[in-house]
Amino acid sequence: MTMKTERNKTTFWDGETCEYCGGAIVEKRVTIHRQIKGEYVLIEDVPAGVCTECGTRYYTANVLKTVEASIHGRVPAVREVKVPVYAF
C-alpha cells in the first residue's frame, strides 16, 4: 500500500488487487443505485476501489456507514429526480 499515484498522493487502494480476477484496484467516485422499501435511491460521488479489469467495486467500512445513514434517512437528500420506468 505504498505505491504513489500521478499526483504524488497515496490512496487506500494502492497496491491492492481484485479478489476475483487479480486486476489492480484504483480509487474512483461512483454512483450507487438501490431499491429501499419500494423506492429507488441514488447515492452519488461515493469513493470506491474499482478493479481496472472486471469492474468489481470495494468500499471501506466508513464509506458503507455513511451510505447506510443516507439510505435510512439519517442524512437529508440533496435533491430528488423523476425517473422514467420502461418495461422490456
N, C-alpha and C. Protein backbone atom coordinates (compact mmCIF):
# COMPACT_ATOMS: atom_id res chain seq x y z
N MET A 1 0.80 -1.20 0.00
CA MET A 1 0.00 0.00 0.00
C MET A 1 0.85 1.27 0.00
N THR A 2 2.03 1.24 -0.52
CA THR A 2 2.87 2.42 -0.50
C THR A 2 3.08 3.02 -1.88
N MET A 3 2.45 2.46 -2.91
CA MET A 3 2.60 2.97 -4.26
C MET A 3 2.01 4.37 -4.38
N LYS A 4 2.65 5.24 -5.14
CA LYS A 4 2.19 6.62 -5.31
C LYS A 4 1.35 6.76 -6.58
N THR A 5 0.39 7.68 -6.57
CA THR A 5 -0.40 7.99 -7.75
C THR A 5 0.29 9.10 -8.53
N GLU A 6 -0.31 9.49 -9.68
CA GLU A 6 0.29 10.53 -10.52
C GLU A 6 0.44 11.86 -9.78
N ARG A 7 -0.43 12.16 -8.89
CA ARG A 7 -0.38 13.44 -8.17
C ARG A 7 0.43 13.32 -6.88
N ASN A 8 1.18 12.25 -6.75
CA ASN A 8 2.03 12.03 -5.58
C ASN A 8 1.24 11.82 -4.30
N LYS A 9 0.01 11.33 -4.41
CA LYS A 9 -0.82 11.02 -3.25
C LYS A 9 -0.89 9.50 -3.10
N THR A 10 -0.97 9.06 -1.88
CA THR A 10 -1.19 7.65 -1.63
C THR A 10 -2.68 7.47 -1.33
N THR A 11 -3.30 6.46 -1.95
CA THR A 11 -4.71 6.18 -1.65
C THR A 11 -4.80 4.87 -0.90
N PHE A 12 -5.93 4.65 -0.29
CA PHE A 12 -6.18 3.43 0.47
C PHE A 12 -5.99 2.19 -0.40
N TRP A 13 -6.30 2.30 -1.68
CA TRP A 13 -6.33 1.13 -2.56
C TRP A 13 -5.00 0.84 -3.26
N ASP A 14 -4.00 1.69 -3.12
CA ASP A 14 -2.71 1.47 -3.78
C ASP A 14 -2.13 0.10 -3.41
N GLY A 15 -1.76 -0.64 -4.43
CA GLY A 15 -1.15 -1.95 -4.23
C GLY A 15 -2.14 -3.09 -4.01
N GLU A 16 -3.42 -2.77 -3.90
CA GLU A 16 -4.44 -3.81 -3.69
C GLU A 16 -4.85 -4.41 -5.03
N THR A 17 -5.23 -5.68 -5.00
CA THR A 17 -5.68 -6.37 -6.21
C THR A 17 -7.05 -6.99 -5.98
N CYS A 18 -7.76 -7.18 -7.06
CA CYS A 18 -9.11 -7.74 -7.02
C CYS A 18 -9.06 -9.20 -6.57
N GLU A 19 -9.95 -9.55 -5.66
CA GLU A 19 -10.00 -10.93 -5.17
C GLU A 19 -10.58 -11.89 -6.21
N TYR A 20 -11.23 -11.37 -7.26
CA TYR A 20 -11.84 -12.23 -8.27
C TYR A 20 -10.94 -12.46 -9.48
N CYS A 21 -10.31 -11.39 -9.99
CA CYS A 21 -9.53 -11.55 -11.22
C CYS A 21 -8.07 -11.16 -11.08
N GLY A 22 -7.70 -10.56 -9.94
CA GLY A 22 -6.31 -10.17 -9.73
C GLY A 22 -5.94 -8.83 -10.33
N GLY A 23 -6.91 -8.12 -10.92
CA GLY A 23 -6.64 -6.81 -11.51
C GLY A 23 -6.31 -5.77 -10.45
N ALA A 24 -5.69 -4.70 -10.88
CA ALA A 24 -5.36 -3.59 -9.97
C ALA A 24 -6.63 -2.86 -9.56
N ILE A 25 -6.64 -2.37 -8.33
CA ILE A 25 -7.77 -1.60 -7.83
C ILE A 25 -7.35 -0.14 -7.76
N VAL A 26 -8.20 0.74 -8.33
CA VAL A 26 -7.94 2.17 -8.30
C VAL A 26 -9.11 2.88 -7.63
N GLU A 27 -8.83 4.03 -7.04
CA GLU A 27 -9.89 4.79 -6.39
C GLU A 27 -10.65 5.61 -7.42
N LYS A 28 -11.98 5.54 -7.34
CA LYS A 28 -12.86 6.30 -8.22
C LYS A 28 -14.05 6.79 -7.41
N ARG A 29 -14.80 7.72 -7.97
CA ARG A 29 -16.07 8.17 -7.40
C ARG A 29 -17.17 7.53 -8.23
N VAL A 30 -18.11 6.85 -7.56
CA VAL A 30 -19.15 6.11 -8.25
C VAL A 30 -20.53 6.52 -7.74
N THR A 31 -21.56 6.09 -8.45
CA THR A 31 -22.94 6.27 -8.01
C THR A 31 -23.51 4.91 -7.65
N ILE A 32 -24.11 4.82 -6.48
CA ILE A 32 -24.73 3.58 -6.03
C ILE A 32 -26.24 3.69 -6.25
N HIS A 33 -26.84 2.66 -6.86
CA HIS A 33 -28.28 2.60 -7.12
C HIS A 33 -28.86 1.50 -6.22
N ARG A 34 -29.88 1.81 -5.45
CA ARG A 34 -30.51 0.82 -4.59
C ARG A 34 -32.02 1.02 -4.58
N GLN A 35 -32.75 -0.08 -4.30
CA GLN A 35 -34.18 0.00 -4.09
C GLN A 35 -34.42 -0.31 -2.61
N ILE A 36 -35.00 0.65 -1.91
CA ILE A 36 -35.25 0.52 -0.48
C ILE A 36 -36.74 0.69 -0.23
N LYS A 37 -37.37 -0.35 0.29
CA LYS A 37 -38.80 -0.31 0.59
C LYS A 37 -39.62 0.19 -0.59
N GLY A 38 -39.29 -0.32 -1.79
CA GLY A 38 -40.04 0.01 -2.99
C GLY A 38 -39.68 1.33 -3.65
N GLU A 39 -38.74 2.08 -3.06
CA GLU A 39 -38.32 3.35 -3.64
C GLU A 39 -36.87 3.27 -4.07
N TYR A 40 -36.57 3.91 -5.19
CA TYR A 40 -35.20 3.90 -5.70
C TYR A 40 -34.42 5.05 -5.09
N VAL A 41 -33.17 4.74 -4.76
CA VAL A 41 -32.28 5.71 -4.13
C VAL A 41 -30.98 5.74 -4.90
N LEU A 42 -30.46 6.94 -5.16
CA LEU A 42 -29.14 7.12 -5.78
C LEU A 42 -28.24 7.81 -4.77
N ILE A 43 -27.05 7.31 -4.62
CA ILE A 43 -26.06 7.97 -3.79
C ILE A 43 -24.87 8.27 -4.69
N GLU A 44 -24.62 9.55 -4.92
CA GLU A 44 -23.61 9.98 -5.88
C GLU A 44 -22.28 10.30 -5.20
N ASP A 45 -21.24 10.26 -6.01
CA ASP A 45 -19.90 10.69 -5.60
C ASP A 45 -19.35 9.86 -4.43
N VAL A 46 -19.61 8.56 -4.46
CA VAL A 46 -19.16 7.66 -3.39
C VAL A 46 -17.74 7.18 -3.70
N PRO A 47 -16.79 7.36 -2.77
CA PRO A 47 -15.44 6.86 -3.01
C PRO A 47 -15.43 5.33 -2.95
N ALA A 48 -14.81 4.71 -3.95
CA ALA A 48 -14.76 3.25 -4.01
C ALA A 48 -13.45 2.82 -4.64
N GLY A 49 -13.04 1.61 -4.32
CA GLY A 49 -11.95 0.97 -5.04
C GLY A 49 -12.59 0.18 -6.17
N VAL A 50 -12.14 0.39 -7.40
CA VAL A 50 -12.74 -0.28 -8.55
C VAL A 50 -11.66 -1.05 -9.31
N CYS A 51 -11.94 -2.32 -9.59
CA CYS A 51 -10.99 -3.15 -10.33
C CYS A 51 -10.90 -2.66 -11.77
N THR A 52 -9.67 -2.48 -12.25
CA THR A 52 -9.45 -2.00 -13.61
C THR A 52 -9.76 -3.07 -14.66
N GLU A 53 -9.84 -4.32 -14.24
CA GLU A 53 -10.10 -5.41 -15.19
C GLU A 53 -11.58 -5.79 -15.25
N CYS A 54 -12.19 -6.11 -14.11
CA CYS A 54 -13.57 -6.62 -14.12
C CYS A 54 -14.61 -5.65 -13.58
N GLY A 55 -14.16 -4.54 -12.98
CA GLY A 55 -15.10 -3.52 -12.50
C GLY A 55 -15.68 -3.77 -11.12
N THR A 56 -15.27 -4.82 -10.44
CA THR A 56 -15.76 -5.07 -9.09
C THR A 56 -15.46 -3.87 -8.21
N ARG A 57 -16.45 -3.49 -7.39
CA ARG A 57 -16.29 -2.33 -6.51
C ARG A 57 -16.03 -2.79 -5.08
N TYR A 58 -15.17 -2.05 -4.40
CA TYR A 58 -14.86 -2.29 -2.99
C TYR A 58 -15.08 -0.98 -2.23
N TYR A 59 -15.63 -1.08 -1.02
CA TYR A 59 -15.90 0.09 -0.20
C TYR A 59 -15.27 -0.09 1.18
N THR A 60 -14.78 1.01 1.76
CA THR A 60 -14.26 0.95 3.12
C THR A 60 -15.43 0.95 4.10
N ALA A 61 -15.17 0.54 5.33
CA ALA A 61 -16.21 0.47 6.35
C ALA A 61 -16.85 1.83 6.62
N ASN A 62 -16.03 2.88 6.69
CA ASN A 62 -16.61 4.20 6.98
C ASN A 62 -17.48 4.69 5.83
N VAL A 63 -17.15 4.35 4.60
CA VAL A 63 -17.98 4.71 3.46
C VAL A 63 -19.32 3.96 3.55
N LEU A 64 -19.28 2.69 3.88
CA LEU A 64 -20.52 1.91 3.99
C LEU A 64 -21.42 2.44 5.11
N LYS A 65 -20.84 2.91 6.21
CA LYS A 65 -21.63 3.50 7.30
C LYS A 65 -22.33 4.77 6.82
N THR A 66 -21.63 5.58 6.04
CA THR A 66 -22.23 6.81 5.51
C THR A 66 -23.33 6.48 4.50
N VAL A 67 -23.11 5.48 3.67
CA VAL A 67 -24.13 5.04 2.71
C VAL A 67 -25.37 4.56 3.47
N GLU A 68 -25.18 3.76 4.51
CA GLU A 68 -26.31 3.26 5.30
C GLU A 68 -27.09 4.41 5.93
N ALA A 69 -26.40 5.40 6.47
CA ALA A 69 -27.07 6.55 7.06
C ALA A 69 -27.88 7.30 6.02
N SER A 70 -27.34 7.43 4.82
CA SER A 70 -28.07 8.10 3.74
C SER A 70 -29.31 7.33 3.35
N ILE A 71 -29.17 6.03 3.17
CA ILE A 71 -30.29 5.19 2.73
C ILE A 71 -31.42 5.19 3.76
N HIS A 72 -31.10 5.21 5.03
CA HIS A 72 -32.12 5.14 6.07
C HIS A 72 -32.61 6.51 6.52
N GLY A 73 -32.26 7.56 5.77
CA GLY A 73 -32.82 8.87 6.02
C GLY A 73 -32.19 9.67 7.14
N ARG A 74 -31.07 9.21 7.68
CA ARG A 74 -30.42 9.97 8.74
C ARG A 74 -29.62 11.15 8.18
N VAL A 75 -29.40 11.12 6.87
CA VAL A 75 -28.76 12.23 6.17
C VAL A 75 -29.77 12.73 5.14
N PRO A 76 -30.06 14.03 5.11
CA PRO A 76 -31.07 14.52 4.17
C PRO A 76 -30.60 14.42 2.72
N ALA A 77 -31.54 14.14 1.83
CA ALA A 77 -31.24 14.08 0.39
C ALA A 77 -30.92 15.49 -0.12
N VAL A 78 -30.00 15.56 -1.08
CA VAL A 78 -29.64 16.87 -1.65
C VAL A 78 -30.61 17.30 -2.75
N ARG A 79 -31.28 16.33 -3.37
CA ARG A 79 -32.29 16.63 -4.38
C ARG A 79 -33.06 15.35 -4.70
N GLU A 80 -34.17 15.49 -5.41
CA GLU A 80 -34.93 14.35 -5.88
C GLU A 80 -35.06 14.46 -7.39
N VAL A 81 -35.08 13.30 -8.06
CA VAL A 81 -35.23 13.28 -9.51
C VAL A 81 -36.39 12.38 -9.89
N LYS A 82 -37.02 12.71 -10.99
CA LYS A 82 -38.09 11.89 -11.53
C LYS A 82 -37.44 10.86 -12.44
N VAL A 83 -37.81 9.58 -12.29
CA VAL A 83 -37.18 8.51 -13.05
C VAL A 83 -38.21 7.82 -13.91
N PRO A 84 -38.02 7.83 -15.24
CA PRO A 84 -38.95 7.09 -16.11
C PRO A 84 -38.73 5.58 -15.97
N VAL A 85 -39.80 4.82 -16.10
CA VAL A 85 -39.73 3.36 -15.98
C VAL A 85 -40.23 2.75 -17.29
N TYR A 86 -39.44 1.84 -17.86
CA TYR A 86 -39.80 1.17 -19.08
C TYR A 86 -39.90 -0.32 -18.83
N ALA A 87 -40.81 -1.01 -19.51
CA ALA A 87 -40.92 -2.46 -19.43
C ALA A 87 -40.28 -3.07 -20.66
N PHE A 88 -39.66 -4.20 -20.49
CA PHE A 88 -38.98 -4.88 -21.60
C PHE A 88 -39.91 -5.89 -22.21
